[in-house]
Amino acid sequence: MVRFSVDVVRSMQSEVQVKSSRLDRTFSISLKQLIALIIIVVVVSSVGFWAVQRVDVYSRWSSQIEKAQSLRTHLDRAYILLNSSSFLTDNTTQDWFYSEVHYAIHSVSDLLELDGGDSYQIGKIDNMLFHLRDPTKKSYLVELNSTDRNAIARALHDIGWKVVAAYGNYISYTSSNPPLWYSGPSPPDETILEEAVELAIDIKEKLP
């Protein structure tokens, strides 16, 4: 009877050890799976966060070039109007010119909101346009000789095209919208933007 009891106890102990071993092995496998799952979640989350950031950056780049193109459109129209012979005598042409300068100011303001890092340079262009739109400058522009007036008109034209070139520089490397893995230069091209700024400074210096 005693021997039977001892055998039963040993059998129970053996079963407990087997179950404990199985539990340990099960827990060990589950821990590895948990670690692997955590790693996968971290990697996927990081990649997702990075992708969202890149999409946001590219969206801002796209908006910047849209505003730059809008600026170019209005400055091109201002260039044509200022070059027109009717600018000297036709109030409608003059008013149209100042309206285009006004719209150009709005485009520059939008660009300033999108690219705060270059606010100093863009602000120079903005300041010139405000100065040009000053009603007191109207008589001065009318009294300019054709060579000087055409020089200001040409500078306005060149500013618009240079700003577009500065903010569209990545297109030279991608031929389209950049892919997520794009690692080339980001807009604006500071050298081209500075050339536009120099033209704006030159126009302002020509005005009284």
C-alpha atoms as a PDB file:
ATOM      1  CA  MET A   1       0.000   0.000   0.000  1.00  0.00           C
ATOM      2  CA  VAL A   2       2.798   2.373   0.902  1.00  0.00           C
ATOM      3  CA  ARG A   3       4.679   1.447  -2.243  1.00  0.00           C
ATOM      4  CA  PHE A   4       1.569   2.128  -4.309  1.00  0.00           C
ATOM      5  CA  SER A   5       1.243   5.563  -2.721  1.00  0.00           C
ATOM      6  CA  VAL A   6       4.873   6.359  -3.452  1.00  0.00           C
ATOM      7  CA  ASP A   7       4.417   5.293  -7.073  1.00  0.00           C
ATOM      8  CA  VAL A   8       1.345   7.493  -7.347  1.00  0.00           C
ATOM      9  CA  VAL A   9       3.213  10.470  -5.888  1.00  0.00           C
ATOM     10  CA  ARG A  10       6.165   9.930  -8.245  1.00  0.00           C
ATOM     11  CA  SER A  11       3.772   9.625 -11.177  1.00  0.00           C
ATOM     12  CA  MET A  12       2.063  12.860 -10.203  1.00  0.00           C
ATOM     13  CA  GLN A  13       5.397  14.632  -9.805  1.00  0.00           C
ATOM     14  CA  SER A  14       6.479  13.382 -13.208  1.00  0.00           C
ATOM     15  CA  GLU A  15       3.267  14.658 -14.796  1.00  0.00           C
ATOM     16  CA  VAL A  16       3.700  18.038 -13.090  1.00  0.00           C
ATOM     17  CA  GLN A  17       7.285  18.270 -14.417  1.00  0.00           C
ATOM     18  CA  VAL A  18       6.126  17.374 -17.944  1.00  0.00           C
ATOM     19  CA  LYS A  19       3.355  19.976 -17.806  1.00  0.00           C
ATOM     20  CA  SER A  20       5.769  22.552 -16.400  1.00  0.00           C
ATOM     21  CA  SER A  21       8.226  21.793 -19.200  1.00  0.00           C
ATOM     22  CA  ARG A  22       5.469  22.179 -21.782  1.00  0.00           C
ATOM     23  CA  LEU A  23       4.357  25.463 -20.243  1.00  0.00           C
ATOM     24  CA  ASP A  24       7.939  26.748 -20.262  1.00  0.00           C
ATOM     25  CA  ARG A  25       8.350  25.769 -23.891  1.00  0.00           C
ATOM     26  CA  THR A  26       4.996  27.322 -24.804  1.00  0.00           C
ATOM     27  CA  PHE A  27       5.860  30.549 -22.973  1.00  0.00           C
ATOM     28  CA  SER A  28       9.267  30.632 -24.629  1.00  0.00           C
ATOM     29  CA  ILE A  29       7.751  30.343 -28.110  1.00  0.00           C
ATOM     30  CA  SER A  30       5.107  32.939 -27.319  1.00  0.00           C
ATOM     31  CA  LEU A  31       7.749  35.384 -26.083  1.00  0.00           C
ATOM     32  CA  LYS A  32       9.721  35.029 -29.314  1.00  0.00           C
ATOM     33  CA  GLN A  33       6.592  35.579 -31.336  1.00  0.00           C
ATOM     34  CA  LEU A  34       5.724  38.623 -29.228  1.00  0.00           C
ATOM     35  CA  ILE A  35       9.175  40.118 -29.764  1.00  0.00           C
ATOM     36  CA  ALA A  36       8.922  39.476 -33.502  1.00  0.00           C
ATOM     37  CA  LEU A  37       5.461  41.062 -33.575  1.00  0.00           C
ATOM     38  CA  ILE A  38       6.713  44.141 -31.712  1.00  0.00           C
ATOM     39  CA  ILE A  39       9.601  44.501 -34.159  1.00  0.00           C
ATOM     40  CA  ILE A  40       7.230  44.204 -37.125  1.00  0.00           C
ATOM     41  CA  VAL A  41       4.852  46.790 -35.635  1.00  0.00           C
ATOM     42  CA  VAL A  42       7.715  49.209 -34.945  1.00  0.00           C
ATOM     43  CA  VAL A  43       9.148  48.804 -38.450  1.00  0.00           C
ATOM     44  CA  VAL A  44       5.757  49.142 -40.172  1.00  0.00           C
ATOM     45  CA  SER A  45       4.866  52.177 -38.027  1.00  0.00           C
ATOM     46  CA  SER A  46       8.227  53.818 -38.743  1.00  0.00           C
ATOM     47  CA  VAL A  47       7.929  53.208 -42.473  1.00  0.00           C
ATOM     48  CA  GLY A  48       4.335  54.469 -42.441  1.00  0.00           C
ATOM     49  CA  PHE A  49       5.294  57.612 -40.509  1.00  0.00           C
ATOM     50  CA  TRP A  50       8.210  58.248 -42.856  1.00  0.00           C
ATOM     51  CA  ALA A  51       5.990  57.770 -45.915  1.00  0.00           C
ATOM     52  CA  VAL A  52       3.378  60.188 -44.557  1.00  0.00           C
ATOM     53  CA  GLN A  53       6.094  62.760 -43.902  1.00  0.00           C
ATOM     54  CA  ARG A  54       7.479  62.389 -47.431  1.00  0.00           C
ATOM     55  CA  VAL A  55       4.007  62.729 -48.956  1.00  0.00           C
ATOM     56  CA  ASP A  56       3.453  65.882 -46.881  1.00  0.00           C
ATOM     57  CA  VAL A  57       6.804  67.317 -48.005  1.00  0.00           C
ATOM     58  CA  TYR A  58       6.095  66.553 -51.668  1.00  0.00           C
ATOM     59  CA  SER A  59       2.635  68.071 -51.346  1.00  0.00           C
ATOM     60  CA  ARG A  60       4.223  71.266 -50.024  1.00  0.00           C
ATOM     61  CA  TRP A  61       6.730  71.258 -52.895  1.00  0.00           C
ATOM     62  CA  SER A  62       3.870  70.891 -55.367  1.00  0.00           C
ATOM     63  CA  SER A  63       2.020  73.814 -53.786  1.00  0.00           C
ATOM     64  CA  GLN A  64       5.177  75.918 -53.872  1.00  0.00           C
ATOM     65  CA  ILE A  65       5.688  75.441 -57.591  1.00  0.00           C
ATOM     66  CA  GLU A  66       1.994  76.153 -58.226  1.00  0.00           C
ATOM     67  CA  LYS A  67       2.342  79.499 -56.446  1.00  0.00           C
ATOM     68  CA  ALA A  68       5.593  80.187 -58.276  1.00  0.00           C
ATOM     69  CA  GLN A  69       3.844  79.508 -61.596  1.00  0.00           C
ATOM     70  CA  SER A  70       1.005  81.802 -60.554  1.00  0.00           C
ATOM     71  CA  LEU A  71       3.552  84.530 -59.785  1.00  0.00           C
ATOM     72  CA  ARG A  72       5.176  84.008 -63.186  1.00  0.00           C
ATOM     73  CA  THR A  73       1.814  84.279 -64.958  1.00  0.00           C
ATOM     74  CA  HIS A  74       0.997  87.639 -63.354  1.00  0.00           C
ATOM     75  CA  LEU A  75       4.496  89.037 -63.828  1.00  0.00           C
ATOM     76  CA  ASP A  76       4.477  87.974 -67.483  1.00  0.00           C
ATOM     77  CA  ARG A  77       1.223  89.878 -67.985  1.00  0.00           C
ATOM     78  CA  ALA A  78       2.640  92.879 -66.153  1.00  0.00           C
ATOM     79  CA  TYR A  79       5.697  92.676 -68.417  1.00  0.00           C
ATOM     80  CA  ILE A  80       3.537  92.796 -71.552  1.00  0.00           C
ATOM     81  CA  LEU A  81       1.390  95.661 -70.260  1.00  0.00           C
ATOM     82  CA  LEU A  82       4.343  97.756 -69.120  1.00  0.00           C
ATOM     83  CA  ASN A  83       5.999  97.230 -72.499  1.00  0.00           C
ATOM     84  CA  SER A  84       2.871  98.246 -74.351  1.00  0.00           C
ATOM     85  CA  SER A  85       2.868 101.666 -76.003  1.00  0.00           C
ATOM     86  CA  SER A  86      -0.657 102.198 -74.682  1.00  0.00           C
ATOM     87  CA  PHE A  87       0.680 102.131 -71.111  1.00  0.00           C
ATOM     88  CA  LEU A  88       1.714 105.775 -71.500  1.00  0.00           C
ATOM     89  CA  THR A  89      -1.760 107.101 -72.273  1.00  0.00           C
ATOM     90  CA  ASP A  90      -4.360 104.417 -71.554  1.00  0.00           C
ATOM     91  CA  ASN A  91      -5.662 104.312 -67.976  1.00  0.00           C
ATOM     92  CA  THR A  92      -7.211 100.898 -68.595  1.00  0.00           C
ATOM     93  CA  THR A  93      -3.816  99.423 -69.497  1.00  0.00           C
ATOM     94  CA  GLN A  94      -2.253 101.070 -66.467  1.00  0.00           C
ATOM     95  CA  ASP A  95      -4.984  99.769 -64.137  1.00  0.00           C
ATOM     96  CA  TRP A  96      -4.621  96.287 -65.614  1.00  0.00           C
ATOM     97  CA  PHE A  97      -0.873  96.435 -64.999  1.00  0.00           C
ATOM     98  CA  TYR A  98      -1.351  97.356 -61.343  1.00  0.00           C
ATOM     99  CA  SER A  99      -3.988  94.637 -60.952  1.00  0.00           C
ATOM    100  CA  GLU A 100      -1.481  92.054 -62.187  1.00  0.00           C
ATOM    101  CA  VAL A 101       1.116  93.372 -59.735  1.00  0.00           C
ATOM    102  CA  HIS A 102      -1.521  93.077 -56.996  1.00  0.00           C
ATOM    103  CA  TYR A 103      -2.218  89.450 -57.935  1.00  0.00           C
ATOM    104  CA  ALA A 104       1.525  88.778 -58.010  1.00  0.00           C
ATOM    105  CA  ILE A 105       1.742  90.063 -54.437  1.00  0.00           C
ATOM    106  CA  HIS A 106      -0.892  87.513 -53.394  1.00  0.00           C
ATOM    107  CA  SER A 107       1.101  84.723 -55.047  1.00  0.00           C
ATOM    108  CA  VAL A 108       4.246  85.798 -53.218  1.00  0.00           C
ATOM    109  CA  SER A 109       2.346  85.926 -49.911  1.00  0.00           C
ATOM    110  CA  ASP A 110       1.151  82.355 -50.474  1.00  0.00           C
ATOM    111  CA  LEU A 111       4.716  81.321 -51.258  1.00  0.00           C
ATOM    112  CA  LEU A 112       5.899  82.935 -48.037  1.00  0.00           C
ATOM    113  CA  GLU A 113       3.457  80.796 -46.051  1.00  0.00           C
ATOM    114  CA  LEU A 114       4.706  77.628 -47.723  1.00  0.00           C
ATOM    115  CA  ASP A 115       8.428  78.407 -47.478  1.00  0.00           C
ATOM    116  CA  GLY A 116       9.166  80.174 -44.217  1.00  0.00           C
ATOM    117  CA  GLY A 117      12.806  79.131 -44.449  1.00  0.00           C
ATOM    118  CA  ASP A 118      13.367  81.515 -47.355  1.00  0.00           C
ATOM    119  CA  SER A 119      11.181  84.332 -46.066  1.00  0.00           C
ATOM    120  CA  TYR A 120      14.033  86.849 -46.182  1.00  0.00           C
ATOM    121  CA  GLN A 121      14.668  86.326 -49.908  1.00  0.00           C
ATOM    122  CA  ILE A 122      10.999  86.053 -50.869  1.00  0.00           C
ATOM    123  CA  GLY A 123      10.280  89.078 -48.703  1.00  0.00           C
ATOM    124  CA  LYS A 124      12.620  91.137 -50.901  1.00  0.00           C
ATOM    125  CA  ILE A 125      10.504  90.304 -53.951  1.00  0.00           C
ATOM    126  CA  ASP A 126       7.328  91.015 -51.998  1.00  0.00           C
ATOM    127  CA  ASN A 127       8.690  94.376 -50.845  1.00  0.00           C
ATOM    128  CA  MET A 128       9.604  95.360 -54.411  1.00  0.00           C
ATOM    129  CA  LEU A 129       6.111  94.543 -55.692  1.00  0.00           C
ATOM    130  CA  PHE A 130       4.486  96.587 -52.933  1.00  0.00           C
ATOM    131  CA  HIS A 131       6.826  99.446 -53.806  1.00  0.00           C
ATOM    132  CA  LEU A 132       5.997  99.108 -57.507  1.00  0.00           C
ATOM    133  CA  ARG A 133       2.257  99.099 -56.820  1.00  0.00           C
ATOM    134  CA  ASP A 134       2.460 102.341 -54.842  1.00  0.00           C
ATOM    135  CA  PRO A 135       0.092 104.791 -56.640  1.00  0.00           C
ATOM    136  CA  THR A 136       2.688 107.538 -56.339  1.00  0.00           C
ATOM    137  CA  LYS A 137       4.991 105.544 -58.653  1.00  0.00           C
ATOM    138  CA  LYS A 138       2.477 105.595 -61.519  1.00  0.00           C
ATOM    139  CA  SER A 139       3.553 108.952 -62.882  1.00  0.00           C
ATOM    140  CA  TYR A 140       7.187 107.935 -62.592  1.00  0.00           C
ATOM    141  CA  LEU A 141       6.670 104.815 -64.722  1.00  0.00           C
ATOM    142  CA  VAL A 142       4.799 106.835 -67.338  1.00  0.00           C
ATOM    143  CA  GLU A 143       7.580 109.413 -67.516  1.00  0.00           C
ATOM    144  CA  LEU A 144      10.358 106.826 -67.907  1.00  0.00           C
ATOM    145  CA  ASN A 145      11.968 106.542 -71.300  1.00  0.00           C
ATOM    146  CA  SER A 146      11.180 103.361 -73.195  1.00  0.00           C
ATOM    147  CA  THR A 147      14.604 101.819 -72.504  1.00  0.00           C
ATOM    148  CA  ASP A 148      14.335 102.132 -68.716  1.00  0.00           C
ATOM    149  CA  ARG A 149      10.679 101.099 -68.666  1.00  0.00           C
ATOM    150  CA  ASN A 150      11.420  98.060 -70.812  1.00  0.00           C
ATOM    151  CA  ALA A 151      14.303  97.154 -68.483  1.00  0.00           C
ATOM    152  CA  ILE A 152      11.919  97.076 -65.510  1.00  0.00           C
ATOM    153  CA  ALA A 153       9.412  95.054 -67.535  1.00  0.00           C
ATOM    154  CA  ARG A 154      12.100  92.553 -68.549  1.00  0.00           C
ATOM    155  CA  ALA A 155      13.251  92.225 -64.944  1.00  0.00           C
ATOM    156  CA  LEU A 156       9.672  91.418 -63.847  1.00  0.00           C
ATOM    157  CA  HIS A 157       9.488  88.753 -66.530  1.00  0.00           C
ATOM    158  CA  ASP A 158      12.832  87.253 -65.482  1.00  0.00           C
ATOM    159  CA  ILE A 159      11.894  87.226 -61.783  1.00  0.00           C
ATOM    160  CA  GLY A 160       8.818  85.118 -62.502  1.00  0.00           C
ATOM    161  CA  TRP A 161      10.741  82.584 -64.567  1.00  0.00           C
ATOM    162  CA  LYS A 162      13.626  82.361 -62.118  1.00  0.00           C
ATOM    163  CA  VAL A 163      11.281  81.759 -59.168  1.00  0.00           C
ATOM    164  CA  VAL A 164       9.629  78.892 -61.077  1.00  0.00           C
ATOM    165  CA  ALA A 165      13.063  77.485 -61.912  1.00  0.00           C
ATOM    166  CA  ALA A 166      14.122  77.736 -58.276  1.00  0.00           C
ATOM    167  CA  TYR A 167      11.093  75.865 -56.940  1.00  0.00           C
ATOM    168  CA  GLY A 168      10.988  73.326 -59.750  1.00  0.00           C
ATOM    169  CA  ASN A 169      14.617  72.247 -59.476  1.00  0.00           C
ATOM    170  CA  TYR A 170      13.795  68.677 -58.345  1.00  0.00           C
ATOM    171  CA  ILE A 171      11.913  68.131 -61.617  1.00  0.00           C
ATOM    172  CA  SER A 172      15.294  68.199 -63.372  1.00  0.00           C
ATOM    173  CA  TYR A 173      16.181  65.043 -61.414  1.00  0.00           C
ATOM    174  CA  THR A 174      12.869  63.180 -61.519  1.00  0.00           C
ATOM    175  CA  SER A 175      11.138  64.432 -64.712  1.00  0.00           C
ATOM    176  CA  SER A 176       7.885  64.346 -62.722  1.00  0.00           C
ATOM    177  CA  ASN A 177       6.675  64.224 -59.147  1.00  0.00           C
ATOM    178  CA  PRO A 178       9.427  62.709 -56.979  1.00  0.00           C
ATOM    179  CA  PRO A 179       9.023  59.113 -55.749  1.00  0.00           C
ATOM    180  CA  LEU A 180       9.073  58.384 -52.018  1.00  0.00           C
ATOM    181  CA  TRP A 181      12.708  57.308 -52.140  1.00  0.00           C
ATOM    182  CA  TYR A 182      13.836  60.544 -53.890  1.00  0.00           C
ATOM    183  CA  SER A 183      16.957  61.900 -52.182  1.00  0.00           C
ATOM    184  CA  GLY A 184      17.970  64.682 -54.572  1.00  0.00           C
ATOM    185  CA  PRO A 185      17.995  68.432 -53.912  1.00  0.00           C
ATOM    186  CA  SER A 186      14.922  70.032 -52.399  1.00  0.00           C
ATOM    187  CA  PRO A 187      13.453  73.351 -53.516  1.00  0.00           C
ATOM    188  CA  PRO A 188      14.237  76.096 -53.793  1.00  0.00           C
ATOM    189  CA  ASP A 189      17.520  76.315 -55.646  1.00  0.00           C
ATOM    190  CA  GLU A 190      19.085  79.051 -53.538  1.00  0.00           C
ATOM    191  CA  THR A 191      21.353  80.283 -56.334  1.00  0.00           C
ATOM    192  CA  ILE A 192      18.490  80.840 -58.789  1.00  0.00           C
ATOM    193  CA  LEU A 193      16.260  82.321 -56.095  1.00  0.00           C
ATOM    194  CA  GLU A 194      19.020  84.773 -55.186  1.00  0.00           C
ATOM    195  CA  GLU A 195      19.241  85.829 -58.844  1.00  0.00           C
ATOM    196  CA  ALA A 196      15.521  86.670 -58.731  1.00  0.00           C
ATOM    197  CA  VAL A 197      16.062  88.618 -55.515  1.00  0.00           C
ATOM    198  CA  GLU A 198      18.877  90.639 -57.085  1.00  0.00           C
ATOM    199  CA  LEU A 199      16.569  91.596 -59.948  1.00  0.00           C
ATOM    200  CA  ALA A 200      13.897  92.670 -57.459  1.00  0.00           C
ATOM    201  CA  ILE A 201      16.423  94.818 -55.585  1.00  0.00           C
ATOM    202  CA  ASP A 202      17.522  96.356 -58.875  1.00  0.00           C
ATOM    203  CA  ILE A 203      13.934  97.290 -59.785  1.00  0.00           C
ATOM    204  CA  LYS A 204      13.343  98.902 -56.397  1.00  0.00           C
ATOM    205  CA  GLU A 205      16.531 100.922 -56.736  1.00  0.00           C
ATOM    206  CA  LYS A 206      15.298 102.255 -60.075  1.00  0.00           C
ATOM    207  CA  LEU A 207      12.116 103.542 -58.467  1.00  0.00           C
ATOM    208  CA  PRO A 208      12.081 106.794 -56.447  1.00  0.00           C
END
